[in-house]
Amino acid sequence: MPQTMMIFLKPFISAPSSSLWSKSNIGENSLDTNVKICKRAEVVCQGMLAPRKFMQKRRKVEVFKSAEDEADQKNWRKMMNEIEETGSAVSVLRSQRDKNKALPKDRVLGSLVRFKQLKKWNLVSEILEWLRTQHWWDFNEMDFLMLITAYGKQGDFGKAERILGYMNKKGYPANVISHTALMEAYGKGCQYGKAEAIFRRMQTSGPEPSAITYQIILKIFVEGDKFDEAQEVFEALMDMDAPPLKPDQKMFHMMIYMYKKAGKYEKARHLFSLMAERGIPQNTVTYNSLMSFETNYKVVANIYDQMQRAGLRPDVVSYALLISAYGKARREEEALAVFEEMLDAGVRPTQKSYNILLDAFAISGMEEQARTVFKSMRRDGCSPDLCSYTTMLSAYINAPSMEGAEKFFRRIKQDGLEPNVVTYGTLIKGYAKTNDLEKMMEKYEEMQVNGIKANQTIFTTIMDAYGRNKDFGSAAAWFNEMASSDVSPDQKAKNILLSLAKTSEEQMEAKQITGCTNELIVDRIPDNINNNDEDDYDDDDDVSGDDEDYDDDTDAKESILLGEKLDQLIISGSAAISDVRK
């Protein structure tokens, strides 16, 4: 049954992205009138996050050539499901063989191609290693190239070296594919020096690097923070009178990301303009890369509008970035409007995009709306993860409703999840804000009993809570406890301890403990503890879903707020490297 939700819009400094308020949602003219006259509009959303038709499972109608073809297709799918379930391909393939009859080659080849498309390189390498020992399979040069490519994608440079050495002994000529695969293996194995050595050798003595080689070496340099080397390679391609090849779209994307990673935003914007000058086509990934490092929601919305005016269709990453920008600005109404627009556009939300919307409401303590999002996730097939649960916990804390937070914390365990340091830190932060030091320490001790070590944020939170309750001695003790626990106090912790010192004796002790001779501008802990612990969440799923422009080889770090780490989801598109066999 549709749910009614009341939302109060904040006064607008400027109208949000024009695409947010389409006629299908709210009358544009009436909205402008209300904002101009009342400066505050009341909007009733009927059926918030109502399910869309495209999200409903539909049974596909398949047409087979014959009964024999139908049986063969079903057997192949059954075999693939068995491989997925067992995690081992060879045992299943062996069981498929009939007595005294070899396994059909087309079925093996189909499995290899499918696992390659799914980027399940561990299964690809397992099948190929097995095929090397089978007399009925003619293991040729292309199989060796696919095998070394699979090892390269996994970062297994030891096995990649072994295969390349065997190919040389067998007399196979030097090949750009095999050398690029070995280079990528070194890069993924963090052997950046060896990867660069192969690249330089290819430049001087061959085989001549291809566009994919350049894409991968730029990615390796950027991931290894070798920014000067990446810039040198890129500028060489740009400046040479007759370069072996010209920088392509993916190279530009990687360099934009590099400048973003280095904090050189103006250079990133310059490269964006240079793409148009050089005739390099800009796509959705290009605009996503720009949106990823902007912090002002107006700027993000403007880039989003530019992308649409350029005739490009936003993808799930585009929507996630805009939702995140509005959420961080505490403009949860606009964040919801963007999410609804995404659903209306037929873009299937991912778990990460749901978490971002959930956080938009959690920041403002809108627990009822957060609960609606939380329930919608499971309904739409995006099962909440620990990130979702912890974000929902912060919604109760920011409401504030510590009773609701405590009940939801117990639910986390009931649902089969184990709270981590961020989850405990969120609850500890909540009790610290309400000055309930007894409950705060109770959760701290419970965390220790469960074998979870406190991080810098938790120590600083406890230190600050005691200091604000006029117990400077305990605050200083917790600062020392932080240092003795192999957690180096950062400048924020030092500043807070200095700010807690009121008497001259306390100030002298604080300066002695922190090693600061001058008082510093105090930067207090943000209300949401999760900003400081985003690396506690790892998720290999690509936020882009099934979009081929995104390479799931790039690790996507997920946080509660999915803020600063969201750029890694974006650059997974711009850093997408085609398979070296292509």
Protein backbone atom coordinates (compact mmCIF):
# COMPACT_ATOMS: atom_id res chain seq x y z
CA MET A 1 0.00 0.00 0.00
CA PRO A 2 1.48 3.38 -0.97
CA GLN A 3 3.19 5.20 1.86
CA THR A 4 2.74 8.90 2.48
CA MET A 5 5.72 10.91 3.58
CA MET A 6 5.86 14.59 4.54
CA ILE A 7 8.98 16.47 3.49
CA PHE A 8 9.72 20.13 4.21
CA LEU A 9 11.91 21.81 1.65
CA LYS A 10 14.61 24.20 2.80
CA PRO A 11 14.82 27.67 1.23
CA PHE A 12 16.75 27.53 -2.04
CA ILE A 13 19.75 29.75 -2.59
CA SER A 14 19.54 28.81 -6.22
CA ALA A 15 17.38 26.33 -8.05
CA PRO A 16 18.84 22.84 -8.17
CA SER A 17 19.53 20.95 -11.35
CA SER A 18 16.69 21.65 -13.75
CA SER A 19 16.40 17.97 -14.62
CA LEU A 20 15.40 17.12 -11.07
CA TRP A 21 11.97 18.68 -11.24
CA SER A 22 10.44 17.21 -14.35
CA LYS A 23 6.73 17.42 -15.04
CA SER A 24 6.38 13.82 -14.05
CA ASN A 25 7.37 14.70 -10.50
CA ILE A 26 6.39 18.26 -9.59
CA GLY A 27 5.07 21.13 -11.65
CA GLU A 28 8.03 23.37 -12.35
CA ASN A 29 6.07 26.59 -12.43
CA SER A 30 4.22 25.87 -9.21
CA LEU A 31 7.49 25.01 -7.45
CA ASP A 32 9.15 28.24 -8.53
CA THR A 33 6.14 30.24 -7.39
CA ASN A 34 6.09 28.60 -3.97
CA VAL A 35 9.80 29.16 -3.48
CA LYS A 36 9.65 32.81 -4.49
CA ILE A 37 6.60 33.67 -2.39
CA CYS A 38 6.95 31.49 0.68
CA LYS A 39 10.67 30.68 0.59
CA ARG A 40 9.58 27.35 2.09
CA ALA A 41 7.51 24.76 0.27
CA GLU A 42 5.69 21.78 1.65
CA VAL A 43 5.74 18.73 -0.58
CA VAL A 44 3.86 15.51 -0.02
CA CYS A 45 5.52 12.51 -1.69
CA GLN A 46 3.01 9.77 -2.42
CA GLY A 47 4.66 6.35 -2.44
CA MET A 48 8.27 7.28 -1.75
CA LEU A 49 10.57 4.95 -3.70
CA ALA A 50 7.62 3.06 -5.16
CA PRO A 51 8.76 0.02 -7.19
CA ARG A 52 9.13 0.52 -10.94
CA LYS A 53 8.12 -1.96 -13.57
CA PHE A 54 11.65 -2.35 -14.89
CA MET A 55 12.75 -3.59 -11.46
CA GLN A 56 10.28 -6.46 -11.50
CA LYS A 57 11.63 -9.82 -12.54
CA ARG A 58 10.39 -10.92 -15.92
CA ARG A 59 10.56 -14.41 -17.26
CA LYS A 60 12.50 -14.50 -20.49
CA VAL A 61 10.98 -16.34 -23.40
CA GLU A 62 13.71 -18.30 -25.15
CA VAL A 63 13.60 -19.77 -28.62
CA PHE A 64 15.76 -22.79 -29.38
CA LYS A 65 16.73 -24.15 -32.78
CA SER A 66 15.72 -27.68 -31.90
CA ALA A 67 15.08 -30.01 -29.02
CA GLU A 68 18.71 -31.07 -29.16
CA ASP A 69 19.85 -27.44 -29.00
CA GLU A 70 17.56 -26.81 -26.01
CA ALA A 71 18.96 -29.81 -24.12
CA ASP A 72 22.52 -28.77 -24.91
CA GLN A 73 21.94 -25.17 -23.74
CA LYS A 74 20.32 -26.29 -20.49
CA ASN A 75 23.11 -28.74 -19.77
CA TRP A 76 25.70 -26.03 -20.35
CA ARG A 77 23.93 -23.62 -17.99
CA LYS A 78 23.63 -26.32 -15.36
CA MET A 79 27.35 -26.97 -15.66
CA MET A 80 28.14 -23.24 -15.32
CA ASN A 81 25.97 -23.00 -12.21
CA GLU A 82 27.78 -25.97 -10.69
CA ILE A 83 31.13 -24.28 -11.33
CA GLU A 84 29.87 -21.08 -9.69
CA GLU A 85 28.62 -22.99 -6.66
CA THR A 86 31.70 -25.16 -6.15
CA GLY A 87 34.22 -22.47 -7.08
CA SER A 88 36.20 -25.02 -9.06
CA ALA A 89 35.91 -25.53 -12.81
CA VAL A 90 38.08 -28.58 -13.45
CA SER A 91 36.22 -30.98 -11.16
CA VAL A 92 32.91 -30.10 -12.81
CA LEU A 93 34.34 -30.34 -16.33
CA ARG A 94 35.75 -33.77 -15.58
CA SER A 95 32.39 -34.98 -14.32
CA GLN A 96 30.79 -33.85 -17.58
CA ARG A 97 32.87 -36.23 -19.65
CA ASP A 98 31.19 -39.37 -20.82
CA LYS A 99 32.93 -42.69 -20.65
CA ASN A 100 35.63 -43.03 -23.31
CA LYS A 101 34.49 -39.76 -24.88
CA ALA A 102 36.18 -36.37 -24.72
CA LEU A 103 34.33 -33.36 -23.40
CA PRO A 104 32.81 -31.37 -26.31
CA LYS A 105 35.29 -28.64 -27.24
CA ASP A 106 32.60 -26.09 -27.97
CA ARG A 107 31.30 -26.45 -24.41
CA VAL A 108 34.78 -25.87 -22.96
CA LEU A 109 35.39 -22.92 -25.26
CA GLY A 110 32.01 -21.45 -24.39
CA SER A 111 32.84 -21.71 -20.70
CA LEU A 112 36.19 -19.99 -21.22
CA VAL A 113 34.62 -17.13 -23.17
CA ARG A 114 31.87 -16.68 -20.60
CA PHE A 115 34.24 -16.60 -17.62
CA LYS A 116 36.45 -14.18 -19.53
CA GLN A 117 33.45 -11.90 -20.07
CA LEU A 118 32.62 -12.14 -16.36
CA LYS A 119 36.27 -11.34 -15.55
CA LYS A 120 36.56 -14.49 -13.43
CA TRP A 121 40.20 -14.86 -14.28
CA ASN A 122 40.88 -17.45 -11.59
CA LEU A 123 38.51 -19.86 -13.34
CA VAL A 124 39.95 -18.99 -16.76
CA SER A 125 43.48 -19.80 -15.61
CA GLU A 126 42.33 -23.00 -13.85
CA ILE A 127 40.64 -24.31 -17.01
CA LEU A 128 43.57 -23.42 -19.26
CA GLU A 129 46.15 -25.04 -16.94
CA TRP A 130 44.05 -28.20 -17.00
CA LEU A 131 43.71 -28.10 -20.79
CA ARG A 132 47.52 -28.01 -21.11
CA THR A 133 47.58 -31.57 -19.77
CA GLN A 134 44.78 -32.90 -22.01
CA HIS A 135 45.88 -34.73 -25.16
CA TRP A 136 42.54 -34.07 -26.87
CA TRP A 137 43.02 -30.30 -26.70
CA ASP A 138 45.43 -28.59 -29.09
CA PHE A 139 46.97 -25.99 -26.76
CA ASN A 140 48.18 -23.28 -29.15
CA GLU A 141 49.64 -19.77 -29.00
CA MET A 142 46.26 -18.12 -28.43
CA ASP A 143 45.67 -20.32 -25.40
CA PHE A 144 49.05 -19.32 -23.97
CA LEU A 145 48.21 -15.66 -24.52
CA MET A 146 44.88 -16.03 -22.75
CA LEU A 147 46.57 -17.85 -19.88
CA ILE A 148 49.24 -15.20 -19.37
CA THR A 149 46.52 -12.56 -19.64
CA ALA A 150 44.56 -14.30 -16.87
CA TYR A 151 47.64 -14.37 -14.64
CA GLY A 152 48.25 -10.72 -15.45
CA LYS A 153 44.74 -9.74 -14.42
CA GLN A 154 45.21 -11.60 -11.13
CA GLY A 155 48.58 -10.00 -10.46
CA ASP A 156 50.28 -13.41 -10.33
CA PHE A 157 53.54 -12.26 -11.89
CA GLY A 158 55.39 -15.46 -10.89
CA LYS A 159 53.19 -17.67 -13.05
CA ALA A 160 53.05 -15.01 -15.77
CA GLU A 161 56.87 -15.05 -15.92
CA ARG A 162 56.84 -18.84 -16.13
CA ILE A 163 54.39 -18.89 -19.05
CA LEU A 164 56.29 -16.19 -20.95
CA GLY A 165 59.55 -18.11 -20.47
CA TYR A 166 57.91 -21.30 -21.76
CA MET A 167 56.58 -19.45 -24.81
CA ASN A 168 60.08 -18.19 -25.58
CA LYS A 169 61.48 -21.74 -25.33
CA LYS A 170 58.76 -23.02 -27.68
CA GLY A 171 59.87 -20.43 -30.25
CA TYR A 172 56.82 -18.21 -30.17
CA PRO A 173 57.80 -14.69 -31.36
CA ALA A 174 57.83 -11.75 -28.99
CA ASN A 175 54.27 -10.51 -28.69
CA VAL A 176 52.87 -7.23 -27.41
CA ILE A 177 50.00 -9.10 -25.76
CA SER A 178 52.21 -11.35 -23.62
CA HIS A 179 54.56 -8.52 -22.63
CA THR A 180 51.66 -6.23 -21.74
CA ALA A 181 50.11 -9.01 -19.67
CA LEU A 182 53.35 -9.53 -17.73
CA MET A 183 53.66 -5.78 -17.22
CA GLU A 184 50.10 -5.69 -15.83
CA ALA A 185 50.87 -8.64 -13.55
CA TYR A 186 53.80 -6.72 -12.06
CA GLY A 187 51.61 -3.66 -11.64
CA LYS A 188 48.84 -5.53 -9.85
CA GLY A 189 51.47 -7.19 -7.70
CA CYS A 190 52.78 -3.73 -6.71
CA GLN A 191 56.08 -4.45 -8.48
CA TYR A 192 56.00 -1.03 -10.09
CA GLY A 193 59.72 -0.92 -10.91
CA LYS A 194 59.56 -4.21 -12.84
CA ALA A 195 56.43 -3.08 -14.67
CA GLU A 196 58.15 0.12 -15.75
CA ALA A 197 61.25 -1.81 -16.83
CA ILE A 198 59.19 -3.96 -19.21
CA PHE A 199 57.49 -0.87 -20.61
CA ARG A 200 60.78 0.94 -21.20
CA ARG A 201 62.23 -2.17 -22.85
CA MET A 202 59.22 -2.39 -25.15
CA GLN A 203 59.77 1.25 -26.11
CA THR A 204 63.41 0.72 -27.02
CA SER A 205 63.64 -2.82 -28.36
CA GLY A 206 60.08 -3.97 -28.91
CA PRO A 207 57.56 -5.27 -29.28
CA GLU A 208 56.13 -1.79 -29.85
CA PRO A 209 53.63 -0.81 -27.14
CA SER A 210 50.00 -0.67 -28.19
CA ALA A 211 47.30 1.74 -27.01
CA ILE A 212 46.30 -0.82 -24.39
CA THR A 213 49.92 -0.98 -23.19
CA TYR A 214 49.92 2.78 -22.67
CA GLN A 215 46.55 2.64 -20.91
CA ILE A 216 47.80 -0.02 -18.51
CA ILE A 217 51.15 1.63 -17.74
CA LEU A 218 49.40 4.92 -16.98
CA LYS A 219 47.05 3.06 -14.65
CA ILE A 220 50.02 1.34 -12.96
CA PHE A 221 51.85 4.63 -12.49
CA VAL A 222 48.78 6.36 -11.04
CA GLU A 223 47.95 3.50 -8.68
CA GLY A 224 51.58 3.49 -7.51
CA ASP A 225 51.52 7.28 -6.97
CA LYS A 226 54.22 7.65 -9.63
CA PHE A 227 52.60 10.82 -10.94
CA ASP A 228 55.73 12.29 -12.57
CA GLU A 229 56.29 9.15 -14.62
CA ALA A 230 52.65 9.07 -15.73
CA GLN A 231 52.78 12.71 -16.76
CA GLU A 232 56.01 12.13 -18.67
CA VAL A 233 54.50 9.28 -20.69
CA PHE A 234 51.30 11.18 -21.39
CA GLU A 235 53.04 14.41 -22.40
CA ALA A 236 55.38 12.47 -24.69
CA LEU A 237 52.35 11.20 -26.58
CA MET A 238 50.91 14.70 -26.68
CA ASP A 239 54.04 16.59 -27.75
CA MET A 240 55.75 14.31 -30.24
CA ASP A 241 55.54 15.45 -33.86
CA ALA A 242 54.83 11.93 -35.00
CA PRO A 243 53.95 9.90 -31.92
CA PRO A 244 53.44 6.16 -32.28
CA LEU A 245 49.84 6.81 -31.30
CA LYS A 246 47.73 9.63 -29.92
CA PRO A 247 46.24 9.66 -26.41
CA ASP A 248 42.76 8.22 -26.48
CA GLN A 249 39.72 8.79 -24.30
CA LYS A 250 40.75 6.28 -21.62
CA MET A 251 44.20 7.84 -21.28
CA PHE A 252 42.63 11.26 -20.79
CA HIS A 253 40.29 9.81 -18.17
CA MET A 254 43.17 8.24 -16.27
CA MET A 255 45.11 11.52 -16.28
CA ILE A 256 42.05 13.46 -15.10
CA TYR A 257 41.79 11.00 -12.25
CA MET A 258 45.51 11.32 -11.53
CA TYR A 259 45.26 15.09 -11.18
CA LYS A 260 42.21 14.64 -9.00
CA LYS A 261 44.12 12.16 -6.82
CA ALA A 262 47.01 14.60 -6.58
CA GLY A 263 44.65 17.45 -5.67
CA LYS A 264 45.45 19.39 -8.84
CA TYR A 265 41.86 20.10 -9.82
CA GLU A 266 42.62 22.93 -12.22
CA LYS A 267 44.83 20.64 -14.30
CA ALA A 268 42.05 18.07 -14.33
CA ARG A 269 39.61 20.69 -15.61
CA HIS A 270 42.18 21.78 -18.21
CA LEU A 271 42.46 18.23 -19.54
CA PHE A 272 38.68 18.10 -19.78
CA SER A 273 38.76 21.20 -22.02
CA LEU A 274 41.71 19.83 -23.97
CA MET A 275 39.72 16.73 -24.89
CA ALA A 276 37.27 18.91 -26.83
CA GLU A 277 40.11 20.80 -28.52
CA ARG A 278 41.81 17.58 -29.61
CA GLY A 279 38.57 16.06 -30.84
CA ILE A 280 38.59 13.34 -28.18
CA PRO A 281 34.96 12.32 -27.57
CA GLN A 282 33.65 12.94 -24.07
CA ASN A 283 31.28 10.44 -22.55
CA THR A 284 29.43 9.93 -19.29
CA VAL A 285 32.62 8.71 -17.58
CA THR A 286 34.32 12.00 -18.47
CA TYR A 287 31.65 14.06 -16.75
CA ASN A 288 31.53 11.64 -13.82
CA SER A 289 35.27 12.15 -13.34
CA LEU A 290 34.72 15.91 -13.11
CA MET A 291 31.80 15.56 -10.72
CA SER A 292 33.81 13.27 -8.44
CA PHE A 293 36.17 15.94 -7.11
CA GLU A 294 33.75 18.84 -6.78
CA THR A 295 32.49 19.51 -3.26
CA ASN A 296 29.87 22.18 -3.92
CA TYR A 297 26.49 20.66 -4.77
CA LYS A 298 25.74 23.56 -7.16
CA VAL A 299 28.88 22.83 -9.18
CA VAL A 300 28.10 19.10 -9.28
CA ALA A 301 24.53 19.85 -10.42
CA ASN A 302 25.86 22.19 -13.11
CA ILE A 303 28.22 19.53 -14.51
CA TYR A 304 25.33 17.06 -14.42
CA ASP A 305 23.23 19.48 -16.50
CA GLN A 306 26.12 20.02 -18.94
CA MET A 307 26.33 16.28 -19.45
CA GLN A 308 22.64 16.07 -20.30
CA ARG A 309 22.85 19.09 -22.63
CA ALA A 310 25.67 17.27 -24.43
CA GLY A 311 23.19 14.51 -25.20
CA LEU A 312 24.75 12.01 -22.79
CA ARG A 313 22.63 9.79 -20.59
CA PRO A 314 23.55 9.72 -16.89
CA ASP A 315 24.44 6.31 -15.51
CA VAL A 316 24.13 5.00 -11.96
CA VAL A 317 27.46 6.61 -11.02
CA SER A 318 26.28 10.03 -12.25
CA TYR A 319 23.16 9.81 -10.12
CA ALA A 320 25.14 8.52 -7.13
CA LEU A 321 27.52 11.47 -7.32
CA LEU A 322 24.71 14.00 -7.46
CA ILE A 323 22.83 12.29 -4.62
CA SER A 324 26.02 12.28 -2.56
CA ALA A 325 26.61 15.99 -3.19
CA TYR A 326 23.09 16.91 -2.08
CA GLY A 327 23.31 14.56 0.91
CA LYS A 328 26.54 16.10 2.18
CA ALA A 329 24.97 19.55 1.82
CA ARG A 330 22.05 18.31 3.97
CA ARG A 331 19.65 18.80 1.07
CA GLU A 332 17.99 15.43 1.48
CA GLU A 333 14.88 16.49 -0.47
CA GLU A 334 16.91 17.08 -3.61
CA ALA A 335 18.83 13.83 -2.99
CA LEU A 336 15.55 11.95 -2.94
CA ALA A 337 14.37 13.75 -6.08
CA VAL A 338 17.52 12.65 -7.93
CA PHE A 339 17.05 9.06 -6.80
CA GLU A 340 13.43 9.12 -7.96
CA GLU A 341 14.58 10.56 -11.28
CA MET A 342 17.08 7.72 -11.62
CA LEU A 343 14.30 5.18 -11.11
CA ASP A 344 12.04 6.99 -13.57
CA ALA A 345 14.86 6.91 -16.14
CA GLY A 346 14.99 3.11 -15.85
CA VAL A 347 18.45 3.03 -14.23
CA ARG A 348 18.65 0.15 -11.80
CA PRO A 349 20.02 1.26 -8.41
CA THR A 350 22.96 -0.56 -6.89
CA GLN A 351 23.64 -1.31 -3.25
CA LYS A 352 26.08 1.58 -3.13
CA SER A 353 23.62 4.09 -4.60
CA TYR A 354 21.06 3.01 -2.01
CA ASN A 355 23.65 3.46 0.73
CA ILE A 356 24.37 6.97 -0.49
CA LEU A 357 20.68 7.92 -0.37
CA LEU A 358 20.38 6.27 3.03
CA ASP A 359 23.25 8.39 4.27
CA ALA A 360 21.63 11.58 2.95
CA PHE A 361 18.77 11.03 5.41
CA ALA A 362 21.03 9.68 8.15
CA ILE A 363 23.16 12.85 8.20
CA SER A 364 20.07 14.92 9.03
CA GLY A 365 18.73 12.35 11.51
CA MET A 366 15.61 11.65 9.40
CA GLU A 367 15.13 8.15 10.78
CA GLU A 368 11.68 7.50 9.29
CA GLN A 369 12.81 8.33 5.77
CA ALA A 370 16.02 6.35 6.32
CA ARG A 371 13.93 3.34 7.36
CA THR A 372 11.93 3.63 4.13
CA VAL A 373 15.15 3.53 2.09
CA PHE A 374 16.47 0.65 4.18
CA LYS A 375 13.32 -1.41 3.53
CA SER A 376 13.34 -0.54 -0.18
CA MET A 377 16.83 -2.00 -0.57
CA ARG A 378 15.77 -5.53 0.30
CA ARG A 379 12.59 -5.21 -1.77
CA ASP A 380 14.60 -4.24 -4.85
CA GLY A 381 17.13 -7.05 -4.48
CA CYS A 382 19.91 -4.92 -2.93
CA SER A 383 20.44 -6.69 0.38
CA PRO A 384 21.68 -4.25 3.05
CA ASP A 385 25.29 -4.83 4.04
CA LEU A 386 27.14 -3.79 7.18
CA CYS A 387 27.66 -0.36 5.63
CA SER A 388 23.86 0.00 5.30
CA TYR A 389 23.24 -1.13 8.87
CA THR A 390 25.86 1.23 10.29
CA THR A 391 24.48 4.14 8.29
CA MET A 392 20.99 3.35 9.57
CA LEU A 393 22.43 3.28 13.08
CA SER A 394 23.82 6.79 12.57
CA ALA A 395 20.35 7.97 11.50
CA TYR A 396 19.00 7.04 14.94
CA ILE A 397 21.96 8.71 16.64
CA ASN A 398 21.56 11.93 14.67
CA ALA A 399 17.78 11.97 15.30
CA PRO A 400 18.72 11.77 18.24
CA SER A 401 17.27 8.53 19.55
CA MET A 402 19.79 6.47 21.49
CA GLU A 403 17.07 4.04 22.51
CA GLY A 404 16.31 3.37 18.85
CA ALA A 405 20.03 3.16 18.10
CA GLU A 406 20.55 0.57 20.84
CA LYS A 407 17.66 -1.56 19.56
CA PHE A 408 18.95 -1.37 15.98
CA PHE A 409 22.47 -2.25 17.16
CA ARG A 410 21.07 -5.48 18.63
CA ARG A 411 19.29 -6.14 15.35
CA ILE A 412 22.59 -6.06 13.48
CA LYS A 413 23.70 -9.16 15.38
CA GLN A 414 20.27 -10.77 15.10
CA ASP A 415 20.47 -10.44 11.32
CA GLY A 416 23.74 -12.36 11.26
CA LEU A 417 26.21 -9.49 10.86
CA GLU A 418 29.18 -8.73 13.10
CA PRO A 419 29.65 -5.06 14.05
CA ASN A 420 33.10 -3.73 13.22
CA VAL A 421 35.13 -0.80 14.52
CA VAL A 422 33.07 1.71 12.54
CA THR A 423 29.80 0.33 13.89
CA TYR A 424 31.02 0.48 17.48
CA GLY A 425 32.56 3.89 16.85
CA THR A 426 29.23 5.22 15.62
CA LEU A 427 27.45 4.07 18.78
CA ILE A 428 30.25 5.34 21.02
CA LYS A 429 30.03 8.70 19.30
CA GLY A 430 26.29 8.80 19.97
CA TYR A 431 26.70 8.24 23.71
CA ALA A 432 29.55 10.76 23.79
CA LYS A 433 27.28 13.39 22.24
CA THR A 434 24.66 12.79 24.94
CA ASN A 435 27.36 12.86 27.67
CA ASP A 436 26.43 9.33 28.78
CA LEU A 437 29.98 8.36 29.68
CA GLU A 438 28.91 5.16 31.43
CA LYS A 439 27.21 3.74 28.31
CA MET A 440 30.06 5.04 26.17
CA MET A 441 32.61 3.05 28.17
CA GLU A 442 30.30 0.04 28.26
CA LYS A 443 30.37 -0.10 24.45
CA TYR A 444 34.11 0.48 24.38
CA GLU A 445 34.69 -2.48 26.72
CA GLU A 446 32.26 -4.64 24.74
CA MET A 447 34.21 -3.84 21.59
CA GLN A 448 37.47 -4.90 23.25
CA VAL A 449 35.92 -8.16 24.50
CA ASN A 450 34.96 -8.92 20.88
CA GLY A 451 38.59 -8.50 19.82
CA ILE A 452 38.11 -5.21 17.96
CA LYS A 453 40.88 -2.65 18.40
CA ALA A 454 39.94 1.00 18.80
CA ASN A 455 41.04 3.38 16.06
CA GLN A 456 42.16 6.98 16.25
CA THR A 457 38.63 8.38 15.95
CA ILE A 458 37.29 6.33 18.86
CA PHE A 459 40.18 7.34 21.14
CA THR A 460 39.69 10.99 20.21
CA THR A 461 35.94 10.74 20.79
CA ILE A 462 36.38 9.31 24.30
CA MET A 463 39.11 11.83 25.11
CA ASP A 464 36.91 14.71 23.98
CA ALA A 465 33.88 13.40 25.92
CA TYR A 466 35.81 13.32 29.22
CA GLY A 467 37.31 16.74 28.56
CA ARG A 468 33.94 18.32 27.85
CA ASN A 469 32.75 16.92 31.18
CA LYS A 470 35.54 18.84 32.95
CA ASP A 471 37.77 15.83 33.48
CA PHE A 472 40.99 16.96 31.85
CA GLY A 473 43.02 14.31 33.69
CA SER A 474 41.06 11.48 32.06
CA ALA A 475 41.23 13.24 28.69
CA ALA A 476 45.04 13.40 28.95
CA ALA A 477 45.13 9.76 30.02
CA TRP A 478 43.16 8.73 26.93
CA PHE A 479 45.51 10.75 24.72
CA ASN A 480 48.42 8.78 26.18
CA GLU A 481 46.45 5.54 25.82
CA MET A 482 46.05 6.32 22.12
CA ALA A 483 49.81 6.69 21.70
CA SER A 484 50.57 3.53 23.69
CA SER A 485 48.12 1.52 21.55
CA ASP A 486 50.17 2.03 18.38
CA VAL A 487 47.68 4.64 17.16
CA SER A 488 49.53 7.86 16.44
CA PRO A 489 47.49 10.92 17.49
CA ASP A 490 46.85 13.19 14.51
CA GLN A 491 46.79 16.97 14.57
CA LYS A 492 43.05 16.98 15.23
CA ALA A 493 43.51 14.97 18.43
CA LYS A 494 46.29 17.30 19.56
CA ASN A 495 44.20 20.37 18.84
CA ILE A 496 41.26 18.99 20.80
CA LEU A 497 43.38 18.18 23.84
CA LEU A 498 44.82 21.70 23.74
CA SER A 499 41.32 23.15 23.58
CA LEU A 500 40.23 21.11 26.61
CA ALA A 501 42.97 22.57 28.79
CA LYS A 502 41.50 25.49 30.76
CA THR A 503 43.92 26.27 33.60
CA SER A 504 47.54 27.26 33.09
CA GLU A 505 48.68 23.94 34.59
CA GLU A 506 46.44 21.98 32.22
CA GLN A 507 47.65 24.02 29.25
CA MET A 508 51.26 23.36 30.16
CA GLU A 509 50.56 19.61 30.50
CA ALA A 510 48.68 19.54 27.19
CA LYS A 511 51.54 21.25 25.37
CA GLN A 512 54.04 18.87 26.91
CA ILE A 513 52.00 15.77 25.96
CA THR A 514 51.25 16.89 22.42
CA GLY A 515 54.66 18.43 21.79
CA CYS A 516 52.99 21.65 20.64
CA THR A 517 54.58 24.89 21.81
CA ASN A 518 51.90 27.12 20.35
CA GLU A 519 48.16 26.84 20.59
CA LEU A 520 46.53 25.74 17.37
CA ILE A 521 43.20 26.41 15.76
CA VAL A 522 40.94 23.68 17.01
CA ASP A 523 39.37 21.43 14.44
CA ARG A 524 36.77 19.46 16.35
CA ILE A 525 35.55 16.01 15.47
CA PRO A 526 32.79 16.02 12.86
CA ASP A 527 29.43 14.80 14.05
CA ASN A 528 29.54 11.79 11.79
CA ILE A 529 32.35 9.49 12.90
CA ASN A 530 32.15 7.46 9.73
CA ASN A 531 34.03 10.00 7.63
CA ASN A 532 37.28 9.00 9.25
CA ASP A 533 36.87 5.26 8.85
CA GLU A 534 35.89 4.79 5.26
CA ASP A 535 38.64 2.28 4.54
CA ASP A 536 37.04 -0.22 6.88
CA TYR A 537 34.70 -1.20 4.09
CA ASP A 538 35.86 -3.07 1.03
CA ASP A 539 33.58 -4.05 -1.78
CA ASP A 540 34.66 -5.45 -5.10
CA ASP A 541 31.28 -4.93 -6.72
CA ASP A 542 31.33 -2.15 -9.28
CA VAL A 543 28.81 0.57 -8.66
CA SER A 544 28.30 0.84 -12.37
CA GLY A 545 26.45 -2.46 -12.50
CA ASP A 546 26.51 -3.96 -15.97
CA ASP A 547 28.00 -0.92 -17.72
CA GLU A 548 30.86 -2.14 -19.88
CA ASP A 549 32.69 1.17 -19.50
CA TYR A 550 33.61 0.27 -15.93
CA ASP A 551 36.45 -2.07 -15.07
CA ASP A 552 35.88 -4.07 -11.93
CA ASP A 553 39.61 -4.73 -11.74
CA THR A 554 39.91 -1.38 -9.94
CA ASP A 555 39.27 -1.83 -6.25
CA ALA A 556 36.25 0.10 -5.09
CA LYS A 557 36.62 1.22 -1.51
CA GLU A 558 33.28 1.78 0.21
CA SER A 559 32.62 3.88 3.31
CA ILE A 560 29.54 4.70 5.32
CA LEU A 561 29.19 8.03 3.59
CA LEU A 562 30.85 6.84 0.38
CA GLY A 563 32.28 10.32 0.10
CA GLU A 564 35.94 10.72 -0.76
CA LYS A 565 36.29 7.12 -1.86
CA LEU A 566 33.52 7.44 -4.43
CA ASP A 567 36.10 8.72 -6.91
CA GLN A 568 37.51 5.20 -7.13
CA LEU A 569 34.16 4.01 -8.38
CA ILE A 570 34.17 6.77 -10.95
CA ILE A 571 37.69 6.19 -12.19
CA SER A 572 36.94 2.50 -12.56
CA GLY A 573 35.17 3.64 -15.70
CA SER A 574 37.91 5.90 -16.97
CA ALA A 575 40.57 3.34 -16.09
CA ALA A 576 38.74 0.51 -17.81
CA ILE A 577 41.28 -1.45 -19.80
CA SER A 578 40.15 -3.71 -22.59
CA ASP A 579 41.32 -7.27 -22.33
CA VAL A 580 44.86 -7.51 -23.72
CA ARG A 581 43.85 -10.39 -25.94
CA LYS A 582 41.59 -8.01 -27.88
